[in-house]
N, C-alpha and C. Protein backbone atom coordinates (compact mmCIF):
# COMPACT_ATOMS: atom_id res chain seq x y z
N MET A 1 15.29 36.01 172.40
CA MET A 1 16.52 36.71 173.23
C MET A 1 17.69 36.02 171.89
N LEU A 2 17.78 34.75 171.76
CA LEU A 2 18.86 33.90 171.51
C LEU A 2 18.87 33.97 170.22
N ILE A 3 17.35 34.74 169.43
CA ILE A 3 17.63 34.82 167.70
C ILE A 3 17.69 36.23 168.36
N ASP A 4 18.29 37.06 169.38
CA ASP A 4 17.97 38.83 169.02
C ASP A 4 19.61 39.04 168.35
N LEU A 5 19.62 38.12 169.54
CA LEU A 5 21.69 38.14 169.48
C LEU A 5 21.80 37.99 167.74
N LEU A 6 21.40 37.52 167.75
CA LEU A 6 22.20 35.76 166.02
C LEU A 6 21.76 37.55 165.01
N TYR A 7 20.63 37.68 165.16
CA TYR A 7 20.50 39.26 164.43
C TYR A 7 21.54 39.92 164.48
N VAL A 8 21.79 40.83 165.55
CA VAL A 8 23.17 41.68 166.48
C VAL A 8 24.30 40.69 165.34
N LEU A 9 24.31 39.69 165.68
CA LEU A 9 25.31 38.78 165.43
C LEU A 9 25.73 39.28 163.43
N ILE A 10 24.33 38.82 163.27
CA ILE A 10 24.49 39.16 161.32
C ILE A 10 24.97 39.99 161.27
N GLY A 11 24.37 40.81 161.23
CA GLY A 11 24.81 42.53 161.37
C GLY A 11 25.73 43.34 161.07
N LEU A 12 26.09 43.18 162.44
CA LEU A 12 28.35 43.08 162.44
C LEU A 12 28.87 42.38 161.36
N ILE A 13 28.52 41.21 160.75
CA ILE A 13 29.23 40.07 159.95
C ILE A 13 28.64 41.72 158.34
N VAL A 14 27.65 41.29 157.38
CA VAL A 14 27.54 42.12 156.87
C VAL A 14 27.64 43.58 156.53
N GLY A 15 28.28 44.27 158.29
CA GLY A 15 28.63 45.37 157.77
C GLY A 15 29.90 45.43 157.61
N LEU A 16 30.65 44.47 158.55
CA LEU A 16 32.35 44.83 158.29
C LEU A 16 31.97 44.27 156.91
N VAL A 17 31.71 42.79 156.49
CA VAL A 17 31.97 42.58 154.61
C VAL A 17 31.96 44.45 153.57
N ILE A 18 30.77 45.08 153.69
CA ILE A 18 30.04 46.04 153.23
C ILE A 18 31.52 46.72 153.43
N GLY A 19 32.16 46.99 155.03
CA GLY A 19 32.61 48.19 154.65
C GLY A 19 33.74 48.34 154.43
N PHE A 20 34.53 46.78 154.32
CA PHE A 20 35.14 46.75 153.65
C PHE A 20 35.41 46.44 152.27
N PHE A 21 34.50 46.02 151.74
CA PHE A 21 34.94 46.72 150.61
C PHE A 21 34.70 47.83 149.87
N VAL A 22 33.93 49.24 150.59
CA VAL A 22 34.05 49.96 150.71
C VAL A 22 34.67 51.11 150.56
N THR A 23 35.57 50.64 151.26
CA THR A 23 36.75 51.28 152.06
C THR A 23 37.73 50.60 151.11
N ARG A 24 37.23 49.38 150.56
CA ARG A 24 38.02 48.74 149.18
C ARG A 24 38.90 49.89 148.04
N HIS A 25 37.45 49.91 147.67
CA HIS A 25 36.96 50.61 146.26
C HIS A 25 37.92 52.24 147.00
N ILE A 26 37.07 52.40 147.68
CA ILE A 26 37.74 54.59 148.20
C ILE A 26 38.98 54.38 147.49
N PHE A 27 40.01 53.12 148.79
CA PHE A 27 40.77 53.80 148.58
C PHE A 27 41.41 53.04 147.10
N LYS A 28 41.55 52.62 146.10
CA LYS A 28 41.99 52.27 144.77
C LYS A 28 41.16 53.83 143.99
N LYS A 29 40.46 54.49 144.29
CA LYS A 29 40.14 55.23 143.60
C LYS A 29 40.75 56.06 143.76
N GLN A 30 41.05 56.89 145.48
CA GLN A 30 42.60 58.04 145.25
C GLN A 30 43.72 57.49 145.28
N LEU A 31 44.35 56.41 145.02
CA LEU A 31 45.34 56.34 144.32
C LEU A 31 45.64 55.96 143.02
N THR A 32 44.29 56.12 142.46
CA THR A 32 44.35 56.82 140.94
C THR A 32 44.57 57.85 140.45
N GLU A 33 43.44 58.33 141.17
CA GLU A 33 43.64 60.16 141.76
C GLU A 33 45.01 60.12 141.82
N ASN A 34 45.09 60.28 143.08
CA ASN A 34 47.15 60.94 143.00
C ASN A 34 47.70 59.79 143.65
N PRO A 35 47.83 59.18 142.07
CA PRO A 35 49.34 59.14 142.53
C PRO A 35 50.47 58.55 143.56
N PRO A 36 51.06 57.46 143.96
CA PRO A 36 52.21 57.94 144.42
C PRO A 36 53.63 58.36 143.21
N ILE A 37 54.55 59.36 144.40
CA ILE A 37 55.30 59.94 143.78
C ILE A 37 56.46 58.79 143.04
N ASN A 38 56.99 59.40 142.01
CA ASN A 38 57.78 58.55 141.31
C ASN A 38 59.10 59.23 140.88
N GLU A 39 59.47 59.42 140.26
CA GLU A 39 61.02 59.83 139.98
C GLU A 39 60.83 60.59 138.43
N LYS A 40 60.09 60.43 137.32
CA LYS A 40 59.32 61.42 136.55
C LYS A 40 58.73 62.34 137.74
N MET A 41 58.28 62.54 138.36
CA MET A 41 57.42 63.30 139.39
C MET A 41 58.22 64.20 140.02
N ILE A 42 59.56 64.32 139.78
CA ILE A 42 60.38 64.72 141.24
C ILE A 42 61.34 65.51 140.50
N GLU A 43 61.49 64.40 138.62
CA GLU A 43 62.59 66.21 137.75
C GLU A 43 61.54 67.18 137.22
N ALA A 44 60.57 66.52 136.85
CA ALA A 44 59.21 67.72 136.83
C ALA A 44 59.92 68.57 138.30
N MET A 45 60.06 68.79 138.96
CA MET A 45 59.43 69.20 140.42
C MET A 45 60.91 70.11 140.54
N MET A 46 61.69 69.57 139.90
CA MET A 46 63.30 70.25 139.92
C MET A 46 63.72 71.63 139.49
N SER A 47 63.08 70.59 137.58
CA SER A 47 62.67 71.72 136.47
C SER A 47 62.19 72.46 136.79
N GLN A 48 61.10 72.47 137.22
CA GLN A 48 59.96 74.03 137.55
C GLN A 48 61.24 75.21 138.64
N MET A 49 61.64 73.99 139.38
CA MET A 49 62.33 75.59 139.97
C MET A 49 63.80 75.66 139.42
N GLY A 50 63.75 75.03 137.90
CA GLY A 50 64.78 75.94 137.07
C GLY A 50 66.01 75.06 137.70
N ARG A 51 66.38 74.29 138.03
CA ARG A 51 67.25 73.41 138.26
C ARG A 51 67.32 71.92 136.90
N LYS A 52 68.69 72.29 136.98
CA LYS A 52 68.47 70.50 135.65
C LYS A 52 69.13 69.07 136.47
N PRO A 53 68.36 68.25 136.79
CA PRO A 53 68.47 67.40 138.56
C PRO A 53 69.54 66.97 137.30
N SER A 54 70.49 66.15 137.88
CA SER A 54 70.99 64.36 137.43
C SER A 54 70.28 63.25 138.22
N GLN A 55 70.89 62.34 137.45
CA GLN A 55 69.90 61.09 137.85
C GLN A 55 70.35 60.46 139.06
N LYS A 56 71.18 61.09 139.48
CA LYS A 56 72.01 60.73 141.04
C LYS A 56 71.10 61.67 142.45
N GLN A 57 71.32 63.01 141.99
CA GLN A 57 69.85 63.54 143.06
C GLN A 57 69.01 63.61 142.72
N VAL A 58 67.76 62.71 141.81
CA VAL A 58 66.22 62.68 141.92
C VAL A 58 66.34 60.85 142.64
N LYS A 59 67.79 59.87 142.54
CA LYS A 59 67.79 58.82 142.87
C LYS A 59 68.16 59.60 144.93
N GLN A 60 68.09 59.98 145.15
CA GLN A 60 68.77 60.55 146.52
C GLN A 60 67.48 61.23 147.26
N VAL A 61 66.89 62.08 146.44
CA VAL A 61 65.57 62.48 146.35
C VAL A 61 64.90 61.31 146.70
N MET A 62 64.36 60.58 145.62
CA MET A 62 63.55 58.91 146.06
C MET A 62 63.94 58.10 146.82
N GLN A 63 65.53 58.30 147.71
CA GLN A 63 65.52 57.25 149.11
C GLN A 63 64.96 58.29 150.13
N GLN A 64 65.22 59.33 149.57
CA GLN A 64 64.46 60.74 151.09
C GLN A 64 63.43 60.12 151.50
N MET A 65 62.74 60.42 149.82
CA MET A 65 61.52 59.59 150.17
C MET A 65 60.71 58.57 150.91
N ASN A 66 61.48 56.93 150.12
CA ASN A 66 60.73 56.06 151.10
C ASN A 66 60.79 56.18 152.09
N LYS A 67 62.18 56.69 152.22
CA LYS A 67 62.28 56.78 154.30
C LYS A 67 61.52 57.53 154.74
N TYR A 68 60.75 58.39 154.34
CA TYR A 68 59.99 58.93 155.30
C TYR A 68 58.60 57.99 155.40
N LYS A 69 58.19 57.09 155.07
CA LYS A 69 56.49 56.56 154.34
C LYS A 69 56.26 55.65 155.52
């Protein structure tokens, strides 16, 4: 009975450690495939809409984006 409880605890600890590393790997992979938005991306997006953004406008958009993170 005590040995069964020990097996359960060891299995739980091993599962948590494996889950941590798998989740970390997936998170890093997602960040490389979909990087967070930066000023150059905002400039490109505004240019595609037919506007030439000033640096002030880009900074304002960045502040708005960071406000809702």
